[in-house]
Amino acid sequence: MDPQKAQAEASKRPPGHGATEVLHQKKSLPFSFTTMTIAGLLITAAVGYSVLYVKKKPEASAKDVTKVSVGVAKPEETHPEN
């Protein structure tokens, strides 16, 4: 069969049939876009908090790490006491 004829016949087939069926698949997302965005932000915040917590100085408490991560810590709370 002539390659041009084969290509012409393939283009007549409905989407989803043939060698390029992956390109024609349309799946809905498992969750709503808003839900996935909120979940992504929460995961990012959790990873950020845990990184700050792991790298904290021994004298800092978990409350101090939370204040720094939220951005409400005062300079005297972030420096070690002498």
C-alpha atoms as a PDB file:
ATOM      1  CA  MET A   1       0.000   0.000   0.000  1.00  0.00           C
ATOM      2  CA  ASP A   2       1.236   3.477  -0.839  1.00  0.00           C
ATOM      3  CA  PRO A   3       2.383   5.418   2.301  1.00  0.00           C
ATOM      4  CA  GLN A   4       0.310   8.453   1.326  1.00  0.00           C
ATOM      5  CA  LYS A   5      -2.822   6.304   1.005  1.00  0.00           C
ATOM      6  CA  ALA A   6      -2.149   4.707   4.386  1.00  0.00           C
ATOM      7  CA  GLN A   7      -1.730   8.125   5.960  1.00  0.00           C
ATOM      8  CA  ALA A   8      -4.926   9.375   4.331  1.00  0.00           C
ATOM      9  CA  GLU A   9      -6.875   6.378   5.639  1.00  0.00           C
ATOM     10  CA  ALA A  10      -5.437   6.825   9.122  1.00  0.00           C
ATOM     11  CA  SER A  11      -6.588  10.428   9.164  1.00  0.00           C
ATOM     12  CA  LYS A  12     -10.173   9.310   8.403  1.00  0.00           C
ATOM     13  CA  ARG A  13     -10.306   7.157  11.541  1.00  0.00           C
ATOM     14  CA  PRO A  14     -11.968   8.653  14.608  1.00  0.00           C
ATOM     15  CA  PRO A  15      -9.666   9.939  17.346  1.00  0.00           C
ATOM     16  CA  GLY A  16      -8.440   7.281  19.712  1.00  0.00           C
ATOM     17  CA  HIS A  17      -7.916   4.598  17.080  1.00  0.00           C
ATOM     18  CA  GLY A  18      -4.560   3.890  15.545  1.00  0.00           C
ATOM     19  CA  ALA A  19      -0.908   4.567  16.254  1.00  0.00           C
ATOM     20  CA  THR A  20      -1.460   8.037  17.686  1.00  0.00           C
ATOM     21  CA  GLU A  21      -4.222   7.211  20.143  1.00  0.00           C
ATOM     22  CA  VAL A  22      -2.273   8.604  23.119  1.00  0.00           C
ATOM     23  CA  LEU A  23      -2.409  12.073  21.566  1.00  0.00           C
ATOM     24  CA  HIS A  24      -6.186  11.968  21.359  1.00  0.00           C
ATOM     25  CA  GLN A  25      -6.900  10.781  24.881  1.00  0.00           C
ATOM     26  CA  LYS A  26      -8.592  13.282  27.133  1.00  0.00           C
ATOM     27  CA  LYS A  27      -8.862  12.348  30.778  1.00  0.00           C
ATOM     28  CA  SER A  28     -10.377  14.371  33.541  1.00  0.00           C
ATOM     29  CA  LEU A  29      -8.253  15.198  36.566  1.00  0.00           C
ATOM     30  CA  PRO A  30      -8.812  13.049  39.659  1.00  0.00           C
ATOM     31  CA  PHE A  31      -9.562  16.104  41.832  1.00  0.00           C
ATOM     32  CA  SER A  32     -10.616  19.666  41.173  1.00  0.00           C
ATOM     33  CA  PHE A  33      -7.938  22.176  40.233  1.00  0.00           C
ATOM     34  CA  THR A  34      -8.553  24.162  43.423  1.00  0.00           C
ATOM     35  CA  THR A  35      -8.175  21.083  45.631  1.00  0.00           C
ATOM     36  CA  MET A  36      -4.901  20.127  43.958  1.00  0.00           C
ATOM     37  CA  THR A  37      -3.587  23.708  44.259  1.00  0.00           C
ATOM     38  CA  ILE A  38      -4.363  23.854  47.982  1.00  0.00           C
ATOM     39  CA  ALA A  39      -2.824  20.416  48.527  1.00  0.00           C
ATOM     40  CA  GLY A  40       0.314  21.491  46.671  1.00  0.00           C
ATOM     41  CA  LEU A  41       0.639  24.628  48.772  1.00  0.00           C
ATOM     42  CA  LEU A  42       0.193  22.632  51.981  1.00  0.00           C
ATOM     43  CA  ILE A  43       2.824  20.113  50.925  1.00  0.00           C
ATOM     44  CA  THR A  44       5.219  22.927  50.014  1.00  0.00           C
ATOM     45  CA  ALA A  45       4.629  24.603  53.390  1.00  0.00           C
ATOM     46  CA  ALA A  46       5.189  21.319  55.233  1.00  0.00           C
ATOM     47  CA  VAL A  47       8.458  20.664  53.404  1.00  0.00           C
ATOM     48  CA  GLY A  48       9.608  24.248  54.028  1.00  0.00           C
ATOM     49  CA  TYR A  49       8.779  24.041  57.729  1.00  0.00           C
ATOM     50  CA  SER A  50      10.548  20.704  58.117  1.00  0.00           C
ATOM     51  CA  VAL A  51      13.672  22.056  56.381  1.00  0.00           C
ATOM     52  CA  LEU A  52      13.715  25.044  58.746  1.00  0.00           C
ATOM     53  CA  TYR A  53      13.106  22.751  61.726  1.00  0.00           C
ATOM     54  CA  VAL A  54      15.951  20.407  60.792  1.00  0.00           C
ATOM     55  CA  LYS A  55      18.368  23.321  60.292  1.00  0.00           C
ATOM     56  CA  LYS A  56      17.383  25.182  63.477  1.00  0.00           C
ATOM     57  CA  LYS A  57      19.834  25.928  66.266  1.00  0.00           C
ATOM     58  CA  PRO A  58      19.589  23.591  69.275  1.00  0.00           C
ATOM     59  CA  GLU A  59      18.265  26.362  71.543  1.00  0.00           C
ATOM     60  CA  ALA A  60      15.377  27.230  69.202  1.00  0.00           C
ATOM     61  CA  SER A  61      11.980  25.715  69.865  1.00  0.00           C
ATOM     62  CA  ALA A  62       9.384  24.506  67.373  1.00  0.00           C
ATOM     63  CA  LYS A  63       7.404  27.672  68.178  1.00  0.00           C
ATOM     64  CA  ASP A  64      10.389  29.812  67.134  1.00  0.00           C
ATOM     65  CA  VAL A  65      10.623  27.929  63.832  1.00  0.00           C
ATOM     66  CA  THR A  66       6.926  28.535  63.221  1.00  0.00           C
ATOM     67  CA  LYS A  67       7.317  32.263  63.870  1.00  0.00           C
ATOM     68  CA  VAL A  68      10.239  32.475  61.436  1.00  0.00           C
ATOM     69  CA  SER A  69       8.463  30.462  58.738  1.00  0.00           C
ATOM     70  CA  VAL A  70       5.332  32.650  58.994  1.00  0.00           C
ATOM     71  CA  GLY A  71       7.457  35.794  59.106  1.00  0.00           C
ATOM     72  CA  VAL A  72       6.320  37.244  62.431  1.00  0.00           C
ATOM     73  CA  ALA A  73       9.521  36.615  64.434  1.00  0.00           C
ATOM     74  CA  LYS A  74      11.297  39.592  65.952  1.00  0.00           C
ATOM     75  CA  PRO A  75      15.105  39.870  65.601  1.00  0.00           C
ATOM     76  CA  GLU A  76      15.646  39.284  69.345  1.00  0.00           C
ATOM     77  CA  GLU A  77      13.769  35.968  69.026  1.00  0.00           C
ATOM     78  CA  THR A  78      15.997  34.744  66.201  1.00  0.00           C
ATOM     79  CA  HIS A  79      19.370  35.432  67.820  1.00  0.00           C
ATOM     80  CA  PRO A  80      20.751  33.188  70.550  1.00  0.00           C
ATOM     81  CA  GLU A  81      20.591  34.464  74.104  1.00  0.00           C
ATOM     82  CA  ASN A  82      23.915  35.357  75.758  1.00  0.00           C
END
